Amino acid sequence: MKILKRILIGIVAIIAVLLLTALFVNKDYNVERSVSINKPKEQVFSFVKQAKNQDQYNKWIQADPQVKKTYRGEDGTVGFVYAWESKEVGKGEQEISSIREGEQIDFALRFKEPFESNAAARMTTEAVADNQTKVSWRMEGSSPYPMNLMNLFVPSVLGKDLEASLENLKTILEKQ
């Protein structure tokens, strides 16, 4: 009985430490990664503006070849919605919320499963030279207490996924 009591006290202590730590962890997260692509800015922007093209470079969509996708609206325009449902990557949708032609695309992300959450994403293109473009992909959101404890790991995990997706994008566009 003493061992069971000690185990129970240990579990309660671990949970208390985690909950206490979460009080001091920022609820907001913001992760951005960039890549330089050896193609003109207009060509790069034209490609990333089409949300369906994410099938070719987005690490999360590629994680499950059986992902079920649905679309609403005209791709590459404000209001276009790309929705997905998968056992591997969950269920959710992204909507093109604004476009600054040749410069920036903003997305509203609505995750439904395995947990509900909203986030924002932004892709920007910047000419570095006539035939070189810097593409930046940014994601930001907020996690309620005590889920904000995960924000300790978000920059690392999300950052790696953004980097992998951007490297895929680079490879695809530079082969064209």
C-alpha atoms as a PDB file:
ATOM      1  CA  MET A   1       0.000   0.000   0.000  1.00  0.00           C
ATOM      2  CA  LYS A   2       2.929   2.344   0.735  1.00  0.00           C
ATOM      3  CA  ILE A   3       4.298   1.865  -2.788  1.00  0.00           C
ATOM      4  CA  LEU A   4       0.912   2.633  -4.348  1.00  0.00           C
ATOM      5  CA  LYS A   5       0.639   5.748  -2.186  1.00  0.00           C
ATOM      6  CA  ARG A   6       4.130   6.902  -3.244  1.00  0.00           C
ATOM      7  CA  ILE A   7       3.344   6.311  -6.906  1.00  0.00           C
ATOM      8  CA  LEU A   8       0.115   8.281  -6.579  1.00  0.00           C
ATOM      9  CA  ILE A   9       1.903  11.147  -4.803  1.00  0.00           C
ATOM     10  CA  GLY A  10       4.585  11.109  -7.517  1.00  0.00           C
ATOM     11  CA  ILE A  11       1.975  11.314 -10.284  1.00  0.00           C
ATOM     12  CA  VAL A  12       0.158  14.168  -8.534  1.00  0.00           C
ATOM     13  CA  ALA A  13       3.483  15.991  -8.034  1.00  0.00           C
ATOM     14  CA  ILE A  14       4.392  15.651 -11.734  1.00  0.00           C
ATOM     15  CA  ILE A  15       0.981  16.941 -12.791  1.00  0.00           C
ATOM     16  CA  ALA A  16       1.264  19.850 -10.335  1.00  0.00           C
ATOM     17  CA  VAL A  17       4.710  20.791 -11.685  1.00  0.00           C
ATOM     18  CA  LEU A  18       3.412  20.669 -15.279  1.00  0.00           C
ATOM     19  CA  LEU A  19       0.382  22.811 -14.438  1.00  0.00           C
ATOM     20  CA  LEU A  20       2.567  25.277 -12.543  1.00  0.00           C
ATOM     21  CA  THR A  21       5.032  25.455 -15.437  1.00  0.00           C
ATOM     22  CA  ALA A  22       2.179  26.131 -17.870  1.00  0.00           C
ATOM     23  CA  LEU A  23       1.353  29.279 -15.894  1.00  0.00           C
ATOM     24  CA  PHE A  24       4.658  30.766 -17.079  1.00  0.00           C
ATOM     25  CA  VAL A  25       4.628  29.556 -20.696  1.00  0.00           C
ATOM     26  CA  ASN A  26       3.503  32.017 -23.348  1.00  0.00           C
ATOM     27  CA  LYS A  27       0.085  31.156 -24.768  1.00  0.00           C
ATOM     28  CA  ASP A  28       1.001  32.505 -28.202  1.00  0.00           C
ATOM     29  CA  TYR A  29       3.332  30.864 -30.681  1.00  0.00           C
ATOM     30  CA  ASN A  30       4.896  32.227 -33.840  1.00  0.00           C
ATOM     31  CA  VAL A  31       7.153  30.174 -36.104  1.00  0.00           C
ATOM     32  CA  GLU A  32       8.663  31.338 -39.385  1.00  0.00           C
ATOM     33  CA  ARG A  33      11.089  29.682 -41.780  1.00  0.00           C
ATOM     34  CA  SER A  34      12.461  30.819 -45.134  1.00  0.00           C
ATOM     35  CA  VAL A  35      14.166  29.414 -48.190  1.00  0.00           C
ATOM     36  CA  SER A  36      15.818  30.956 -51.212  1.00  0.00           C
ATOM     37  CA  ILE A  37      14.580  29.633 -54.568  1.00  0.00           C
ATOM     38  CA  ASN A  38      16.425  30.188 -57.828  1.00  0.00           C
ATOM     39  CA  LYS A  39      13.379  31.331 -59.792  1.00  0.00           C
ATOM     40  CA  PRO A  40      11.827  34.753 -60.476  1.00  0.00           C
ATOM     41  CA  LYS A  41       9.456  36.082 -57.836  1.00  0.00           C
ATOM     42  CA  GLU A  42       6.436  36.155 -60.193  1.00  0.00           C
ATOM     43  CA  GLN A  43       6.820  32.457 -60.985  1.00  0.00           C
ATOM     44  CA  VAL A  44       7.240  31.497 -57.332  1.00  0.00           C
ATOM     45  CA  PHE A  45       4.280  33.590 -56.176  1.00  0.00           C
ATOM     46  CA  SER A  46       2.074  32.228 -58.936  1.00  0.00           C
ATOM     47  CA  PHE A  47       2.821  28.689 -57.735  1.00  0.00           C
ATOM     48  CA  VAL A  48       2.354  29.216 -53.964  1.00  0.00           C
ATOM     49  CA  LYS A  49      -0.802  31.267 -54.511  1.00  0.00           C
ATOM     50  CA  GLN A  50      -2.567  28.101 -55.688  1.00  0.00           C
ATOM     51  CA  ALA A  51      -3.420  26.287 -52.441  1.00  0.00           C
ATOM     52  CA  LYS A  52      -3.884  22.973 -54.255  1.00  0.00           C
ATOM     53  CA  ASN A  53      -0.182  23.073 -55.144  1.00  0.00           C
ATOM     54  CA  GLN A  54       0.536  22.376 -51.478  1.00  0.00           C
ATOM     55  CA  ASP A  55      -0.167  18.736 -52.326  1.00  0.00           C
ATOM     56  CA  GLN A  56       3.247  18.747 -54.006  1.00  0.00           C
ATOM     57  CA  TYR A  57       5.308  20.247 -51.182  1.00  0.00           C
ATOM     58  CA  ASN A  58       3.380  20.408 -47.894  1.00  0.00           C
ATOM     59  CA  LYS A  59       4.851  17.844 -45.486  1.00  0.00           C
ATOM     60  CA  TRP A  60       1.593  17.411 -43.581  1.00  0.00           C
ATOM     61  CA  ILE A  61      -0.510  16.639 -46.653  1.00  0.00           C
ATOM     62  CA  GLN A  62       2.162  14.240 -47.916  1.00  0.00           C
ATOM     63  CA  ALA A  63       2.137  12.380 -44.577  1.00  0.00           C
ATOM     64  CA  ASP A  64      -0.960  10.444 -45.681  1.00  0.00           C
ATOM     65  CA  PRO A  65      -1.429   9.554 -49.355  1.00  0.00           C
ATOM     66  CA  GLN A  66      -5.016   8.562 -48.512  1.00  0.00           C
ATOM     67  CA  VAL A  67      -5.984  12.002 -47.191  1.00  0.00           C
ATOM     68  CA  LYS A  68      -9.466  13.001 -48.323  1.00  0.00           C
ATOM     69  CA  LYS A  69      -9.520  16.556 -49.711  1.00  0.00           C
ATOM     70  CA  THR A  70     -12.391  18.840 -50.598  1.00  0.00           C
ATOM     71  CA  TYR A  71     -12.396  22.324 -52.064  1.00  0.00           C
ATOM     72  CA  ARG A  72     -14.763  25.303 -52.088  1.00  0.00           C
ATOM     73  CA  GLY A  73     -14.341  28.320 -54.304  1.00  0.00           C
ATOM     74  CA  GLU A  74     -11.766  29.268 -56.904  1.00  0.00           C
ATOM     75  CA  ASP A  75      -8.187  28.346 -56.041  1.00  0.00           C
ATOM     76  CA  GLY A  76      -5.808  31.286 -55.802  1.00  0.00           C
ATOM     77  CA  THR A  77      -8.542  33.721 -54.733  1.00  0.00           C
ATOM     78  CA  VAL A  78      -9.706  35.064 -51.371  1.00  0.00           C
ATOM     79  CA  GLY A  79     -12.315  32.732 -49.880  1.00  0.00           C
ATOM     80  CA  PHE A  80     -10.956  29.519 -51.408  1.00  0.00           C
ATOM     81  CA  VAL A  81     -11.165  26.700 -48.835  1.00  0.00           C
ATOM     82  CA  TYR A  82      -8.996  23.593 -48.881  1.00  0.00           C
ATOM     83  CA  ALA A  83     -10.237  20.976 -46.412  1.00  0.00           C
ATOM     84  CA  TRP A  84      -8.639  17.686 -45.416  1.00  0.00           C
ATOM     85  CA  GLU A  85      -9.560  14.618 -43.415  1.00  0.00           C
ATOM     86  CA  SER A  86      -7.122  11.871 -42.523  1.00  0.00           C
ATOM     87  CA  LYS A  87      -6.313   9.373 -39.796  1.00  0.00           C
ATOM     88  CA  GLU A  88      -2.677  10.525 -39.956  1.00  0.00           C
ATOM     89  CA  VAL A  89      -3.029  14.327 -40.044  1.00  0.00           C
ATOM     90  CA  GLY A  90      -6.485  14.870 -38.585  1.00  0.00           C
ATOM     91  CA  LYS A  91      -9.279  17.007 -39.920  1.00  0.00           C
ATOM     92  CA  GLY A  92      -9.323  20.682 -40.727  1.00  0.00           C
ATOM     93  CA  GLU A  93      -9.335  23.358 -43.379  1.00  0.00           C
ATOM     94  CA  GLN A  94      -7.442  26.372 -44.565  1.00  0.00           C
ATOM     95  CA  GLU A  95      -8.996  29.380 -46.213  1.00  0.00           C
ATOM     96  CA  ILE A  96      -7.226  32.026 -48.248  1.00  0.00           C
ATOM     97  CA  SER A  97      -8.085  35.082 -46.178  1.00  0.00           C
ATOM     98  CA  SER A  98      -6.170  37.747 -48.100  1.00  0.00           C
ATOM     99  CA  ILE A  99      -3.805  38.179 -51.008  1.00  0.00           C
ATOM    100  CA  ARG A 100      -1.403  40.993 -51.692  1.00  0.00           C
ATOM    101  CA  GLU A 101      -0.641  40.140 -55.311  1.00  0.00           C
ATOM    102  CA  GLY A 102       2.953  39.144 -55.905  1.00  0.00           C
ATOM    103  CA  GLU A 103       3.830  39.632 -52.231  1.00  0.00           C
ATOM    104  CA  GLN A 104       1.791  37.732 -49.657  1.00  0.00           C
ATOM    105  CA  ILE A 105      -0.939  35.143 -49.113  1.00  0.00           C
ATOM    106  CA  ASP A 106      -2.673  34.830 -45.734  1.00  0.00           C
ATOM    107  CA  PHE A 107      -4.474  31.676 -44.630  1.00  0.00           C
ATOM    108  CA  ALA A 108      -6.922  31.058 -41.796  1.00  0.00           C
ATOM    109  CA  LEU A 109      -6.375  27.547 -40.421  1.00  0.00           C
ATOM    110  CA  ARG A 110      -9.148  25.747 -38.594  1.00  0.00           C
ATOM    111  CA  PHE A 111      -8.163  22.419 -37.052  1.00  0.00           C
ATOM    112  CA  LYS A 112     -11.058  20.182 -36.028  1.00  0.00           C
ATOM    113  CA  GLU A 113      -9.425  16.845 -35.117  1.00  0.00           C
ATOM    114  CA  PRO A 114      -7.580  15.520 -33.180  1.00  0.00           C
ATOM    115  CA  PHE A 115      -8.237  18.794 -31.316  1.00  0.00           C
ATOM    116  CA  GLU A 116      -9.959  22.071 -32.138  1.00  0.00           C
ATOM    117  CA  SER A 117      -7.741  25.055 -32.724  1.00  0.00           C
ATOM    118  CA  ASN A 118      -7.389  28.075 -34.973  1.00  0.00           C
ATOM    119  CA  ALA A 119      -4.181  29.475 -36.378  1.00  0.00           C
ATOM    120  CA  ALA A 120      -2.984  31.829 -39.068  1.00  0.00           C
ATOM    121  CA  ALA A 121      -0.413  31.192 -41.762  1.00  0.00           C
ATOM    122  CA  ARG A 122       1.288  33.533 -44.173  1.00  0.00           C
ATOM    123  CA  MET A 123       3.494  32.943 -47.172  1.00  0.00           C
ATOM    124  CA  THR A 124       5.523  35.839 -48.537  1.00  0.00           C
ATOM    125  CA  THR A 125       7.768  36.186 -51.566  1.00  0.00           C
ATOM    126  CA  GLU A 126      10.592  38.674 -51.841  1.00  0.00           C
ATOM    127  CA  ALA A 127      12.886  39.170 -54.827  1.00  0.00           C
ATOM    128  CA  VAL A 128      16.498  38.720 -53.792  1.00  0.00           C
ATOM    129  CA  ALA A 129      17.774  39.018 -57.369  1.00  0.00           C
ATOM    130  CA  ASP A 130      16.229  38.833 -60.845  1.00  0.00           C
ATOM    131  CA  ASN A 131      16.201  35.060 -60.722  1.00  0.00           C
ATOM    132  CA  GLN A 132      16.111  34.432 -56.964  1.00  0.00           C
ATOM    133  CA  THR A 133      13.217  34.628 -54.521  1.00  0.00           C
ATOM    134  CA  LYS A 134      13.064  34.354 -50.754  1.00  0.00           C
ATOM    135  CA  VAL A 135       9.923  32.514 -49.634  1.00  0.00           C
ATOM    136  CA  SER A 136       8.906  32.798 -45.984  1.00  0.00           C
ATOM    137  CA  TRP A 137       6.226  30.668 -44.359  1.00  0.00           C
ATOM    138  CA  ARG A 138       4.909  31.787 -40.998  1.00  0.00           C
ATOM    139  CA  MET A 139       2.399  30.165 -38.654  1.00  0.00           C
ATOM    140  CA  GLU A 140       1.019  31.688 -35.493  1.00  0.00           C
ATOM    141  CA  GLY A 141      -1.659  30.896 -33.018  1.00  0.00           C
ATOM    142  CA  SER A 142      -2.590  30.666 -29.383  1.00  0.00           C
ATOM    143  CA  SER A 143      -3.026  27.746 -27.010  1.00  0.00           C
ATOM    144  CA  PRO A 144      -5.222  27.971 -23.911  1.00  0.00           C
ATOM    145  CA  TYR A 145      -3.910  27.006 -20.479  1.00  0.00           C
ATOM    146  CA  PRO A 146      -2.752  24.255 -19.825  1.00  0.00           C
ATOM    147  CA  MET A 147      -2.346  23.255 -23.490  1.00  0.00           C
ATOM    148  CA  ASN A 148       0.093  26.171 -23.826  1.00  0.00           C
ATOM    149  CA  LEU A 149       2.670  23.845 -22.253  1.00  0.00           C
ATOM    150  CA  MET A 150       3.043  22.360 -25.754  1.00  0.00           C
ATOM    151  CA  ASN A 151       4.277  25.769 -26.940  1.00  0.00           C
ATOM    152  CA  LEU A 152       7.640  24.820 -25.439  1.00  0.00           C
ATOM    153  CA  PHE A 153       8.013  22.339 -28.329  1.00  0.00           C
ATOM    154  CA  VAL A 154       6.091  24.091 -31.122  1.00  0.00           C
ATOM    155  CA  PRO A 155       8.999  26.128 -32.551  1.00  0.00           C
ATOM    156  CA  SER A 156      11.181  23.056 -32.915  1.00  0.00           C
ATOM    157  CA  VAL A 157       8.585  20.620 -34.257  1.00  0.00           C
ATOM    158  CA  LEU A 158       6.644  23.058 -36.418  1.00  0.00           C
ATOM    159  CA  GLY A 159       9.860  24.697 -37.586  1.00  0.00           C
ATOM    160  CA  LYS A 160      11.241  21.382 -38.871  1.00  0.00           C
ATOM    161  CA  ASP A 161       8.013  20.701 -40.769  1.00  0.00           C
ATOM    162  CA  LEU A 162       8.014  24.172 -42.329  1.00  0.00           C
ATOM    163  CA  GLU A 163      11.672  23.748 -43.334  1.00  0.00           C
ATOM    164  CA  ALA A 164      10.979  20.359 -44.937  1.00  0.00           C
ATOM    165  CA  SER A 165       7.976  21.768 -46.833  1.00  0.00           C
ATOM    166  CA  LEU A 166       9.962  24.765 -48.056  1.00  0.00           C
ATOM    167  CA  GLU A 167      12.814  22.515 -49.214  1.00  0.00           C
ATOM    168  CA  ASN A 168      10.235  20.444 -51.136  1.00  0.00           C
ATOM    169  CA  LEU A 169       8.926  23.663 -52.695  1.00  0.00           C
ATOM    170  CA  LYS A 170      12.455  24.703 -53.665  1.00  0.00           C
ATOM    171  CA  THR A 171      13.170  21.341 -55.295  1.00  0.00           C
ATOM    172  CA  ILE A 172       9.921  21.398 -57.287  1.00  0.00           C
ATOM    173  CA  LEU A 173      10.263  24.958 -58.549  1.00  0.00           C
ATOM    174  CA  GLU A 174      13.945  24.714 -59.408  1.00  0.00           C
ATOM    175  CA  LYS A 175      13.259  21.597 -61.525  1.00  0.00           C
ATOM    176  CA  GLN A 176      10.664  23.474 -63.598  1.00  0.00           C
END
